[in-house]
């Protein structure tokens, strides 16, 4: 796979709808071409201690942030394909890739439901699953471990854009 968008969400609490940041890395012809990062006002709008400890974000960080539908309009602009590319790839959008897609895809579907948006069934791929096949003897298959095995040093783990870039670097090598 040479054309895709690596995506990562962070959440404010244990509700899947509580996305508080998104990172997106656009890959075309196997090269990173664009990035996008935004804070998001979570729904429900509260932070639990554990999530804040993981990613460092708290309510004051997202008080003035846009709500998810406004942020997703910006993401859609980046992942929507031209008619010709859509015909070639068989989808109107770039495929999405996440490390542990079960989490990120669940967040995306939940927040679409929360805001009563029609979910377009994005093609979604998982570098976590692929890493288990590509690196069966790895110490573990966490994002930072696999990105290091792929030659990328993840310095700001749990920052959505840094994690999306690590995912993109992994996907370029193993998907």
Protein backbone atom coordinates (compact mmCIF):
# COMPACT_ATOMS: atom_id res chain seq x y z
CA UNK A 1 0.00 0.00 0.00
CA UNK A 2 1.55 3.26 -1.14
CA UNK A 3 -1.33 5.72 -0.68
CA UNK A 4 -3.06 6.05 2.68
CA UNK A 5 -3.70 8.27 5.67
CA UNK A 6 -2.31 7.23 9.05
CA UNK A 7 -4.58 8.42 11.85
CA UNK A 8 -4.43 8.54 15.62
CA UNK A 9 -6.88 9.75 18.25
CA UNK A 10 -6.39 10.59 21.91
CA UNK A 11 -9.38 10.52 24.25
CA UNK A 12 -10.24 12.63 27.28
CA UNK A 13 -11.85 9.80 29.22
CA UNK A 14 -12.91 6.20 28.72
CA UNK A 15 -15.85 7.12 26.45
CA UNK A 16 -14.99 6.36 22.82
CA UNK A 17 -16.71 9.62 21.80
CA UNK A 18 -14.33 11.71 23.89
CA UNK A 19 -11.71 12.29 21.21
CA UNK A 20 -9.68 15.30 22.27
CA UNK A 21 -7.03 15.33 19.55
CA UNK A 22 -6.40 13.85 16.13
CA UNK A 23 -3.23 13.40 14.15
CA UNK A 24 -3.23 12.57 10.45
CA UNK A 25 -0.34 11.81 8.11
CA UNK A 26 -1.00 11.64 4.37
CA UNK A 27 1.19 9.21 2.43
CA UNK A 28 1.26 9.26 -1.37
CA UNK A 29 3.50 6.98 -3.45
CA UNK A 30 5.10 5.73 -0.23
CA UNK A 31 6.17 9.19 0.95
CA UNK A 32 4.76 11.49 3.62
CA UNK A 33 3.16 14.42 1.77
CA UNK A 34 1.08 16.22 4.39
CA UNK A 35 0.19 16.25 8.08
CA UNK A 36 -2.70 17.56 10.13
CA UNK A 37 -3.17 17.96 13.88
CA UNK A 38 -6.03 19.43 15.85
CA UNK A 39 -7.27 19.55 19.37
CA UNK A 40 -10.97 18.69 19.67
CA UNK A 41 -13.51 19.59 22.31
CA UNK A 42 -14.39 16.12 23.66
CA UNK A 43 -17.88 14.72 24.15
CA UNK A 44 -18.49 14.21 27.01
CA UNK A 45 -16.35 17.16 27.95
CA UNK A 46 -14.39 15.98 30.96
CA UNK A 47 -10.95 14.49 31.46
CA UNK A 48 -10.10 11.64 33.74
CA UNK A 49 -6.80 11.48 35.55
CA UNK A 50 -5.54 8.39 33.73
CA UNK A 51 -6.03 9.76 30.21
CA UNK A 52 -4.42 13.07 31.15
CA UNK A 53 -1.43 11.17 32.54
CA UNK A 54 -1.09 9.30 29.25
CA UNK A 55 -1.24 12.21 26.78
CA UNK A 56 -0.87 15.31 28.95
CA UNK A 57 -4.02 17.05 27.73
CA UNK A 58 -6.62 18.52 30.08
CA UNK A 59 -9.82 20.55 29.83
CA UNK A 60 -8.05 23.92 29.58
CA UNK A 61 -6.25 22.66 26.47
CA UNK A 62 -9.49 22.02 24.60
CA UNK A 63 -11.89 24.63 26.05
CA UNK A 64 -11.66 26.73 22.89
CA UNK A 65 -11.08 23.81 20.50
CA UNK A 66 -13.55 23.08 17.71
CA UNK A 67 -16.04 20.22 18.02
CA UNK A 68 -15.46 17.03 16.06
CA UNK A 69 -17.65 17.80 12.99
CA UNK A 70 -15.67 20.98 12.27
CA UNK A 71 -12.35 19.17 12.62
CA UNK A 72 -13.52 16.26 10.48
CA UNK A 73 -14.38 18.64 7.62
CA UNK A 74 -10.68 19.52 7.51
CA UNK A 75 -9.67 15.85 7.65
CA UNK A 76 -12.12 15.01 4.84
CA UNK A 77 -10.45 17.57 2.58
CA UNK A 78 -7.14 15.76 3.05
CA UNK A 79 -8.37 12.19 2.59
CA UNK A 80 -10.88 12.70 -0.25
CA UNK A 81 -9.51 11.52 -3.58
CA UNK A 82 -9.89 12.89 -7.08
CA UNK A 83 -12.30 10.95 -9.28
CA UNK A 84 -9.39 9.32 -11.11
CA UNK A 85 -7.60 8.25 -7.91
CA UNK A 86 -10.89 7.04 -6.42
CA UNK A 87 -11.44 4.86 -9.47
CA UNK A 88 -7.91 3.42 -9.19
CA UNK A 89 -8.12 2.76 -5.43
CA UNK A 90 -11.77 1.70 -5.47
CA UNK A 91 -12.72 4.13 -2.72
CA UNK A 92 -13.61 7.84 -2.60
CA UNK A 93 -11.08 8.34 0.20
CA UNK A 94 -7.59 7.27 1.08
CA UNK A 95 -7.55 4.12 3.19
CA UNK A 96 -7.05 4.87 6.89
CA UNK A 97 -4.30 3.13 8.83
CA UNK A 98 -3.88 2.99 12.60
CA UNK A 99 -1.72 1.11 15.06
CA UNK A 100 -4.45 -0.81 16.89
CA UNK A 101 -7.24 0.10 14.51
CA UNK A 102 -9.75 -1.46 16.93
CA UNK A 103 -9.34 1.62 19.14
CA UNK A 104 -9.11 4.36 16.51
CA UNK A 105 -11.84 2.98 14.27
CA UNK A 106 -14.13 2.53 17.29
CA UNK A 107 -13.50 6.13 18.31
CA UNK A 108 -14.23 7.35 14.79
CA UNK A 109 -17.46 5.39 14.50
CA UNK A 110 -18.59 6.43 18.00
CA UNK A 111 -18.02 10.13 17.42
CA UNK A 112 -19.77 9.94 14.05
CA UNK A 113 -22.78 8.39 15.85
CA UNK A 114 -22.57 10.95 18.64
CA UNK A 115 -22.85 13.84 16.19
CA UNK A 116 -25.39 11.99 14.00
CA UNK A 117 -23.05 12.02 11.02
CA UNK A 118 -23.27 9.36 8.31
CA UNK A 119 -20.24 7.08 8.57
CA UNK A 120 -18.94 6.28 5.06
CA UNK A 121 -17.31 2.92 5.92
CA UNK A 122 -13.75 4.05 5.47
CA UNK A 123 -11.32 1.28 4.46
CA UNK A 124 -9.24 0.77 7.62
CA UNK A 125 -5.98 -1.15 8.07
CA UNK A 126 -4.00 -2.05 11.19
CA UNK A 127 -0.24 -1.85 11.62
CA UNK A 128 -0.49 -3.63 14.98
CA UNK A 129 -1.91 -6.75 13.35
CA UNK A 130 0.57 -6.47 10.47
CA UNK A 131 3.48 -6.02 12.88
CA UNK A 132 2.72 -9.34 14.56
CA UNK A 133 3.27 -11.03 11.19
CA UNK A 134 6.23 -8.89 10.13
CA UNK A 135 8.02 -9.04 13.50
CA UNK A 136 6.89 -12.26 15.23
CA UNK A 137 9.88 -12.23 17.58
CA UNK A 138 9.58 -8.59 18.67
CA UNK A 139 9.74 -7.94 22.41
CA UNK A 140 6.20 -6.51 22.11
CA UNK A 141 4.13 -4.91 19.39
CA UNK A 142 3.57 -1.51 20.94
CA UNK A 143 3.81 1.48 18.63
CA UNK A 144 7.14 2.73 19.98
CA UNK A 145 8.73 -0.73 19.75
CA UNK A 146 7.62 -1.43 16.19
CA UNK A 147 8.41 2.07 14.96
CA UNK A 148 11.95 1.64 16.31
CA UNK A 149 12.25 -1.69 14.49
CA UNK A 150 11.25 0.22 11.34
CA UNK A 151 13.96 2.83 11.95
CA UNK A 152 11.77 5.59 13.37
CA UNK A 153 12.38 7.04 16.83
CA UNK A 154 9.02 7.96 18.39
CA UNK A 155 9.94 10.79 20.75
CA UNK A 156 6.49 12.11 21.72
CA UNK A 157 4.44 8.97 22.24
CA UNK A 158 0.73 9.69 22.84
CA UNK A 159 0.81 12.95 20.93
CA UNK A 160 -1.68 12.19 18.17
CA UNK A 161 0.44 13.56 15.33
CA UNK A 162 3.64 11.86 16.53
CA UNK A 163 1.78 8.56 16.86
CA UNK A 164 0.22 8.96 13.40
CA UNK A 165 3.65 9.61 11.92
CA UNK A 166 5.08 6.52 13.63
CA UNK A 167 2.17 4.51 12.27
CA UNK A 168 2.79 5.91 8.78
CA UNK A 169 6.48 4.98 8.96
CA UNK A 170 5.55 1.44 9.99
CA UNK A 171 2.89 1.13 7.27
CA UNK A 172 5.28 2.33 4.58
CA UNK A 173 7.57 -0.57 5.47
CA UNK A 174 5.22 -3.44 6.26
CA UNK A 175 1.85 -2.90 4.55
